[in-house]
Amino acid sequence: MRIYATAADVQEWTGQAPPDNVVPLLRSASGLVEEATMLAVYPADTEGLPRLTRHATAFKEATCEQVAFWAANGLDPTAGELVEAEKRVASSKSIKGASVSYDAADAARAKQARVDALRALCTSAFSILRNAGLISTVVNR
């Protein structure tokens, strides 16, 4: 598998020390970048890496942006199933009647959003690739 960025690249991109689990995050992020650009047409070397500097930079920056997104949100796609402490959201309360109703739908939506964030490129990483011409809806001939 190709890895499009390094821990040093992540540190340069974010201006912060990379997370402790940066290596598996880079591997997973590179996989998402590769999947997103699967249909892109660009000059590549014999190992499939982009030859043009602007394309190589976009691959690196999108990978770094994805790692930064996961780290900022406490997400790790290599950790297995997303397990979170149950957070109950009170939807109604009453004082004298001493009853409380909980809404599980909000917690379920939040968990699903986090699961989805593990499986797809974040918006900013996708934009980096699209702005470099690596993601398009135009059919190339």
N, C-alpha and C. Protein backbone atom coordinates (compact mmCIF):
# COMPACT_ATOMS: atom_id res chain seq x y z
N MET A 1 0.83 -1.18 0.00
CA MET A 1 0.00 0.00 0.00
C MET A 1 0.88 1.25 0.00
N ARG A 2 0.45 2.21 -0.79
CA ARG A 2 1.19 3.48 -0.85
C ARG A 2 0.77 4.38 0.32
N ILE A 3 1.74 5.04 0.90
CA ILE A 3 1.49 6.01 1.98
C ILE A 3 1.92 7.37 1.42
N TYR A 4 1.03 8.34 1.47
CA TYR A 4 1.26 9.60 0.79
C TYR A 4 1.83 10.71 1.66
N ALA A 5 2.01 10.46 2.95
CA ALA A 5 2.57 11.49 3.83
C ALA A 5 3.31 10.80 4.98
N THR A 6 4.06 11.61 5.70
CA THR A 6 4.83 11.11 6.84
C THR A 6 4.38 11.83 8.11
N ALA A 7 4.87 11.35 9.23
CA ALA A 7 4.58 12.02 10.51
C ALA A 7 5.11 13.46 10.47
N ALA A 8 6.26 13.65 9.87
CA ALA A 8 6.82 15.01 9.75
C ALA A 8 5.92 15.90 8.91
N ASP A 9 5.32 15.34 7.85
CA ASP A 9 4.39 16.11 7.02
C ASP A 9 3.17 16.54 7.84
N VAL A 10 2.66 15.63 8.66
CA VAL A 10 1.50 15.95 9.51
C VAL A 10 1.86 17.06 10.48
N GLN A 11 3.05 16.98 11.07
CA GLN A 11 3.48 18.01 12.00
C GLN A 11 3.61 19.36 11.30
N GLU A 12 4.16 19.36 10.11
CA GLU A 12 4.29 20.60 9.35
C GLU A 12 2.91 21.14 8.96
N TRP A 13 2.01 20.25 8.58
CA TRP A 13 0.66 20.65 8.14
C TRP A 13 -0.14 21.27 9.29
N THR A 14 -0.06 20.64 10.47
CA THR A 14 -0.89 21.08 11.60
C THR A 14 -0.19 22.07 12.51
N GLY A 15 1.14 22.09 12.48
CA GLY A 15 1.88 22.93 13.40
C GLY A 15 1.93 22.36 14.81
N GLN A 16 1.56 21.09 14.94
CA GLN A 16 1.55 20.41 16.23
C GLN A 16 2.21 19.05 16.10
N ALA A 17 2.62 18.50 17.24
CA ALA A 17 3.19 17.16 17.22
C ALA A 17 2.11 16.19 16.72
N PRO A 18 2.50 15.24 15.89
CA PRO A 18 1.51 14.28 15.39
C PRO A 18 0.99 13.40 16.53
N PRO A 19 -0.21 12.84 16.37
CA PRO A 19 -0.73 11.95 17.41
C PRO A 19 0.14 10.71 17.55
N ASP A 20 0.05 10.06 18.70
CA ASP A 20 0.85 8.85 18.94
C ASP A 20 0.59 7.76 17.91
N ASN A 21 -0.63 7.68 17.42
CA ASN A 21 -1.00 6.64 16.46
C ASN A 21 -0.93 7.14 15.02
N VAL A 22 -0.02 8.05 14.74
CA VAL A 22 0.05 8.68 13.42
C VAL A 22 0.31 7.67 12.30
N VAL A 23 1.10 6.64 12.53
CA VAL A 23 1.42 5.70 11.45
C VAL A 23 0.18 4.97 10.95
N PRO A 24 -0.63 4.36 11.85
CA PRO A 24 -1.85 3.73 11.32
C PRO A 24 -2.84 4.74 10.75
N LEU A 25 -2.87 5.96 11.30
CA LEU A 25 -3.76 6.97 10.74
C LEU A 25 -3.31 7.35 9.33
N LEU A 26 -2.02 7.47 9.11
CA LEU A 26 -1.50 7.77 7.77
C LEU A 26 -1.85 6.66 6.79
N ARG A 27 -1.75 5.43 7.23
CA ARG A 27 -2.08 4.29 6.38
C ARG A 27 -3.57 4.34 5.98
N SER A 28 -4.43 4.56 6.96
CA SER A 28 -5.87 4.61 6.68
C SER A 28 -6.23 5.82 5.82
N ALA A 29 -5.66 6.97 6.13
CA ALA A 29 -5.95 8.18 5.36
C ALA A 29 -5.45 8.03 3.92
N SER A 30 -4.28 7.43 3.74
CA SER A 30 -3.76 7.21 2.39
C SER A 30 -4.69 6.29 1.60
N GLY A 31 -5.26 5.31 2.27
CA GLY A 31 -6.21 4.42 1.62
C GLY A 31 -7.44 5.16 1.14
N LEU A 32 -7.95 6.08 1.97
CA LEU A 32 -9.12 6.87 1.55
C LEU A 32 -8.78 7.81 0.40
N VAL A 33 -7.59 8.40 0.44
CA VAL A 33 -7.15 9.28 -0.64
C VAL A 33 -7.03 8.48 -1.93
N GLU A 34 -6.45 7.31 -1.84
CA GLU A 34 -6.30 6.46 -3.03
C GLU A 34 -7.66 6.05 -3.58
N GLU A 35 -8.57 5.71 -2.70
CA GLU A 35 -9.91 5.33 -3.13
C GLU A 35 -10.63 6.50 -3.81
N ALA A 36 -10.49 7.68 -3.25
CA ALA A 36 -11.15 8.87 -3.81
C ALA A 36 -10.60 9.23 -5.19
N THR A 37 -9.33 8.91 -5.44
CA THR A 37 -8.69 9.28 -6.71
C THR A 37 -8.56 8.10 -7.66
N MET A 38 -9.26 7.03 -7.37
CA MET A 38 -9.14 5.81 -8.15
C MET A 38 -9.38 6.03 -9.65
N LEU A 39 -10.29 6.91 -9.99
CA LEU A 39 -10.61 7.14 -11.40
C LEU A 39 -9.90 8.34 -11.99
N ALA A 40 -9.04 8.98 -11.19
CA ALA A 40 -8.31 10.15 -11.68
C ALA A 40 -7.27 9.75 -12.71
N VAL A 41 -7.07 10.63 -13.66
CA VAL A 41 -6.04 10.41 -14.68
C VAL A 41 -4.93 11.42 -14.42
N TYR A 42 -3.74 10.91 -14.13
CA TYR A 42 -2.59 11.77 -13.86
C TYR A 42 -1.33 10.96 -14.14
N PRO A 43 -0.24 11.66 -14.49
CA PRO A 43 1.01 10.94 -14.74
C PRO A 43 1.53 10.31 -13.45
N ALA A 44 1.89 9.02 -13.52
CA ALA A 44 2.37 8.31 -12.34
C ALA A 44 3.66 7.59 -12.66
N ASP A 45 4.46 7.34 -11.62
CA ASP A 45 5.68 6.57 -11.81
C ASP A 45 5.33 5.07 -11.81
N THR A 46 6.34 4.23 -11.85
CA THR A 46 6.10 2.79 -11.93
C THR A 46 5.45 2.21 -10.67
N GLU A 47 5.52 2.93 -9.56
CA GLU A 47 4.89 2.48 -8.32
C GLU A 47 3.49 3.08 -8.15
N GLY A 48 3.04 3.86 -9.12
CA GLY A 48 1.72 4.45 -9.06
C GLY A 48 1.65 5.78 -8.33
N LEU A 49 2.79 6.32 -7.95
CA LEU A 49 2.82 7.62 -7.26
C LEU A 49 2.76 8.75 -8.28
N PRO A 50 2.08 9.84 -7.96
CA PRO A 50 1.98 10.95 -8.91
C PRO A 50 3.36 11.54 -9.24
N ARG A 51 3.58 11.81 -10.52
CA ARG A 51 4.86 12.37 -10.94
C ARG A 51 4.87 13.89 -10.87
N LEU A 52 3.72 14.52 -11.14
CA LEU A 52 3.68 15.98 -11.10
C LEU A 52 3.66 16.46 -9.66
N THR A 53 4.45 17.48 -9.39
CA THR A 53 4.57 18.01 -8.03
C THR A 53 3.22 18.45 -7.47
N ARG A 54 2.39 19.09 -8.28
CA ARG A 54 1.10 19.57 -7.78
C ARG A 54 0.19 18.41 -7.38
N HIS A 55 0.27 17.29 -8.09
CA HIS A 55 -0.54 16.13 -7.73
C HIS A 55 0.01 15.45 -6.48
N ALA A 56 1.32 15.29 -6.42
CA ALA A 56 1.95 14.68 -5.24
C ALA A 56 1.67 15.51 -3.99
N THR A 57 1.71 16.84 -4.15
CA THR A 57 1.42 17.73 -3.03
C THR A 57 -0.03 17.57 -2.58
N ALA A 58 -0.95 17.47 -3.52
CA ALA A 58 -2.36 17.29 -3.17
C ALA A 58 -2.59 15.97 -2.44
N PHE A 59 -1.96 14.90 -2.89
CA PHE A 59 -2.08 13.61 -2.20
C PHE A 59 -1.57 13.74 -0.76
N LYS A 60 -0.41 14.38 -0.61
CA LYS A 60 0.18 14.55 0.72
C LYS A 60 -0.70 15.42 1.61
N GLU A 61 -1.13 16.56 1.09
CA GLU A 61 -1.93 17.48 1.89
C GLU A 61 -3.28 16.89 2.26
N ALA A 62 -3.92 16.17 1.35
CA ALA A 62 -5.21 15.55 1.66
C ALA A 62 -5.03 14.48 2.74
N THR A 63 -3.95 13.73 2.66
CA THR A 63 -3.66 12.71 3.67
C THR A 63 -3.44 13.37 5.03
N CYS A 64 -2.64 14.42 5.07
CA CYS A 64 -2.39 15.14 6.32
C CYS A 64 -3.67 15.74 6.88
N GLU A 65 -4.49 16.31 6.02
CA GLU A 65 -5.75 16.92 6.46
C GLU A 65 -6.68 15.87 7.07
N GLN A 66 -6.71 14.68 6.47
CA GLN A 66 -7.56 13.61 7.00
C GLN A 66 -7.06 13.16 8.38
N VAL A 67 -5.76 13.00 8.51
CA VAL A 67 -5.18 12.61 9.81
C VAL A 67 -5.49 13.68 10.85
N ALA A 68 -5.33 14.95 10.48
CA ALA A 68 -5.62 16.05 11.41
C ALA A 68 -7.09 16.05 11.81
N PHE A 69 -7.98 15.77 10.87
CA PHE A 69 -9.41 15.72 11.17
C PHE A 69 -9.72 14.61 12.17
N TRP A 70 -9.19 13.43 11.91
CA TRP A 70 -9.42 12.31 12.84
C TRP A 70 -8.87 12.63 14.22
N ALA A 71 -7.64 13.15 14.27
CA ALA A 71 -7.01 13.45 15.56
C ALA A 71 -7.81 14.51 16.32
N ALA A 72 -8.27 15.54 15.64
CA ALA A 72 -9.03 16.61 16.28
C ALA A 72 -10.36 16.13 16.84
N ASN A 73 -10.89 15.08 16.23
CA ASN A 73 -12.19 14.56 16.65
C ASN A 73 -12.10 13.27 17.46
N GLY A 74 -10.87 12.89 17.81
CA GLY A 74 -10.70 11.70 18.64
C GLY A 74 -11.12 10.42 17.95
N LEU A 75 -10.92 10.35 16.64
CA LEU A 75 -11.32 9.18 15.86
C LEU A 75 -10.11 8.37 15.44
N ASP A 76 -10.26 7.06 15.43
CA ASP A 76 -9.19 6.17 15.00
C ASP A 76 -9.79 5.02 14.22
N PRO A 77 -9.67 5.05 12.89
CA PRO A 77 -10.28 4.00 12.08
C PRO A 77 -9.64 2.62 12.27
N THR A 78 -8.49 2.57 12.90
CA THR A 78 -7.83 1.28 13.12
C THR A 78 -8.20 0.66 14.45
N ALA A 79 -9.00 1.34 15.24
CA ALA A 79 -9.33 0.85 16.58
C ALA A 79 -10.44 -0.19 16.58
N GLY A 80 -11.01 -0.47 15.44
CA GLY A 80 -12.10 -1.44 15.39
C GLY A 80 -13.43 -0.75 15.56
N GLU A 81 -14.39 -1.44 16.12
CA GLU A 81 -15.74 -0.92 16.26
C GLU A 81 -15.75 0.33 17.14
N LEU A 82 -16.52 1.31 16.72
CA LEU A 82 -16.64 2.55 17.48
C LEU A 82 -17.48 2.28 18.72
N VAL A 83 -16.85 2.40 19.87
CA VAL A 83 -17.55 2.19 21.13
C VAL A 83 -17.51 3.49 21.90
N GLU A 84 -18.65 3.96 22.28
CA GLU A 84 -18.72 5.21 23.02
C GLU A 84 -19.54 4.99 24.28
N ALA A 85 -19.21 5.77 25.28
CA ALA A 85 -20.03 5.75 26.49
C ALA A 85 -21.40 6.27 26.12
N GLU A 86 -22.41 5.62 26.65
CA GLU A 86 -23.77 6.04 26.33
C GLU A 86 -24.03 7.42 26.91
N LYS A 87 -24.44 8.31 26.04
CA LYS A 87 -24.76 9.67 26.46
C LYS A 87 -26.26 9.84 26.29
N ARG A 88 -26.92 9.99 27.38
CA ARG A 88 -28.37 10.13 27.31
C ARG A 88 -28.72 11.61 27.29
N VAL A 89 -29.61 11.96 26.41
CA VAL A 89 -30.05 13.33 26.26
C VAL A 89 -31.48 13.42 26.78
N ALA A 90 -31.69 14.23 27.80
CA ALA A 90 -33.04 14.39 28.34
C ALA A 90 -33.88 15.18 27.36
N SER A 91 -35.03 14.63 26.99
CA SER A 91 -35.93 15.33 26.08
C SER A 91 -37.04 16.04 26.83
N SER A 92 -37.34 15.58 28.03
CA SER A 92 -38.31 16.28 28.87
C SER A 92 -38.08 15.93 30.33
N LYS A 93 -38.44 16.86 31.19
CA LYS A 93 -38.26 16.67 32.63
C LYS A 93 -39.47 17.25 33.33
N SER A 94 -39.73 16.77 34.50
CA SER A 94 -40.73 17.42 35.35
C SER A 94 -40.25 17.32 36.78
N ILE A 95 -40.47 18.35 37.55
CA ILE A 95 -39.92 18.40 38.90
C ILE A 95 -40.82 17.72 39.92
N LYS A 96 -42.06 18.12 40.00
CA LYS A 96 -42.94 17.55 41.03
C LYS A 96 -43.36 16.13 40.68
N GLY A 97 -43.48 15.84 39.40
CA GLY A 97 -43.86 14.49 38.99
C GLY A 97 -42.67 13.55 38.98
N ALA A 98 -41.48 14.10 39.12
CA ALA A 98 -40.22 13.36 39.15
C ALA A 98 -40.06 12.40 38.00
N SER A 99 -40.37 12.83 36.78
CA SER A 99 -40.17 11.96 35.62
C SER A 99 -39.20 12.62 34.65
N VAL A 100 -38.43 11.80 33.98
CA VAL A 100 -37.47 12.27 32.98
C VAL A 100 -37.61 11.37 31.77
N SER A 101 -37.66 11.96 30.59
CA SER A 101 -37.69 11.20 29.34
C SER A 101 -36.38 11.44 28.61
N TYR A 102 -35.84 10.38 28.02
CA TYR A 102 -34.57 10.49 27.31
C TYR A 102 -34.79 10.29 25.81
N ASP A 103 -34.03 11.02 25.02
CA ASP A 103 -34.10 10.92 23.58
C ASP A 103 -32.84 10.22 23.08
N ALA A 104 -32.97 8.99 22.66
CA ALA A 104 -31.82 8.21 22.18
C ALA A 104 -31.49 8.54 20.73
N ALA A 105 -32.40 9.19 20.04
CA ALA A 105 -32.18 9.48 18.62
C ALA A 105 -30.99 10.41 18.41
N ASP A 106 -30.84 11.45 19.24
CA ASP A 106 -29.72 12.37 19.08
C ASP A 106 -28.39 11.65 19.27
N ALA A 107 -28.30 10.81 20.27
CA ALA A 107 -27.06 10.05 20.52
C ALA A 107 -26.78 9.11 19.36
N ALA A 108 -27.82 8.49 18.83
CA ALA A 108 -27.64 7.56 17.70
C ALA A 108 -27.16 8.30 16.46
N ARG A 109 -27.71 9.50 16.21
CA ARG A 109 -27.27 10.29 15.05
C ARG A 109 -25.82 10.73 15.21
N ALA A 110 -25.44 11.12 16.40
CA ALA A 110 -24.06 11.54 16.65
C ALA A 110 -23.09 10.38 16.45
N LYS A 111 -23.47 9.20 16.93
CA LYS A 111 -22.61 8.03 16.76
C LYS A 111 -22.49 7.68 15.28
N GLN A 112 -23.59 7.74 14.55
CA GLN A 112 -23.55 7.42 13.12
C GLN A 112 -22.66 8.41 12.37
N ALA A 113 -22.70 9.68 12.74
CA ALA A 113 -21.85 10.68 12.11
C ALA A 113 -20.38 10.35 12.35
N ARG A 114 -20.06 9.89 13.55
CA ARG A 114 -18.67 9.53 13.86
C ARG A 114 -18.25 8.29 13.08
N VAL A 115 -19.15 7.31 12.95
CA VAL A 115 -18.86 6.11 12.17
C VAL A 115 -18.62 6.50 10.71
N ASP A 116 -19.48 7.36 10.16
CA ASP A 116 -19.32 7.80 8.78
C ASP A 116 -18.01 8.54 8.59
N ALA A 117 -17.57 9.31 9.59
CA ALA A 117 -16.32 10.06 9.50
C ALA A 117 -15.10 9.14 9.46
N LEU A 118 -15.26 7.91 9.89
CA LEU A 118 -14.16 6.95 9.83
C LEU A 118 -14.02 6.34 8.44
N ARG A 119 -15.06 6.40 7.66
CA ARG A 119 -15.10 5.68 6.38
C ARG A 119 -14.94 6.56 5.15
N ALA A 120 -14.98 7.86 5.31
CA ALA A 120 -14.94 8.75 4.15
C ALA A 120 -14.00 9.92 4.40
N LEU A 121 -13.49 10.48 3.32
CA LEU A 121 -12.65 11.67 3.44
C LEU A 121 -13.45 12.83 4.01
N CYS A 122 -12.81 13.60 4.87
CA CYS A 122 -13.45 14.81 5.36
C CYS A 122 -13.57 15.79 4.20
N THR A 123 -14.43 16.75 4.34
CA THR A 123 -14.72 17.71 3.28
C THR A 123 -13.47 18.45 2.81
N SER A 124 -12.64 18.87 3.74
CA SER A 124 -11.47 19.65 3.35
C SER A 124 -10.44 18.81 2.60
N ALA A 125 -10.27 17.55 2.97
CA ALA A 125 -9.34 16.67 2.24
C ALA A 125 -9.87 16.42 0.83
N PHE A 126 -11.17 16.19 0.72
CA PHE A 126 -11.79 15.99 -0.59
C PHE A 126 -11.59 17.22 -1.46
N SER A 127 -11.76 18.40 -0.88
CA SER A 127 -11.59 19.66 -1.62
C SER A 127 -10.17 19.83 -2.14
N ILE A 128 -9.21 19.44 -1.33
CA ILE A 128 -7.80 19.54 -1.76
C ILE A 128 -7.60 18.73 -3.04
N LEU A 129 -8.11 17.51 -3.05
CA LEU A 129 -7.97 16.64 -4.22
C LEU A 129 -8.75 17.18 -5.42
N ARG A 130 -9.97 17.65 -5.17
CA ARG A 130 -10.79 18.19 -6.26
C ARG A 130 -10.14 19.43 -6.85
N ASN A 131 -9.61 20.32 -6.00
CA ASN A 131 -8.98 21.54 -6.50
C ASN A 131 -7.71 21.28 -7.28
N ALA A 132 -7.10 20.13 -7.06
CA ALA A 132 -5.91 19.75 -7.83
C ALA A 132 -6.27 19.02 -9.12
N GLY A 133 -7.58 18.89 -9.37
CA GLY A 133 -8.02 18.23 -10.60
C GLY A 133 -8.00 16.71 -10.51
N LEU A 134 -7.93 16.17 -9.29
CA LEU A 134 -7.84 14.72 -9.13
C LEU A 134 -9.20 14.07 -8.89
N ILE A 135 -10.22 14.87 -8.65
CA ILE A 135 -11.58 14.35 -8.52
C ILE A 135 -12.46 15.20 -9.41
N SER A 136 -13.15 14.55 -10.30
CA SER A 136 -13.96 15.26 -11.26
C SER A 136 -15.15 14.41 -11.66
N THR A 137 -16.18 15.06 -12.14
CA THR A 137 -17.32 14.33 -12.67
C THR A 137 -17.26 14.27 -14.19
N VAL A 138 -16.19 14.80 -14.77
CA VAL A 138 -16.00 14.81 -16.21
C VAL A 138 -15.35 13.49 -16.63
N VAL A 139 -15.88 12.89 -17.67
CA VAL A 139 -15.30 11.64 -18.18
C VAL A 139 -14.12 11.99 -19.08
N ASN A 140 -12.96 11.41 -18.79
CA ASN A 140 -11.77 11.62 -19.62
C ASN A 140 -11.71 10.57 -20.72
N ARG A 141 -11.25 10.96 -21.86
CA ARG A 141 -11.12 10.00 -22.97
C ARG A 141 -9.68 9.80 -23.31
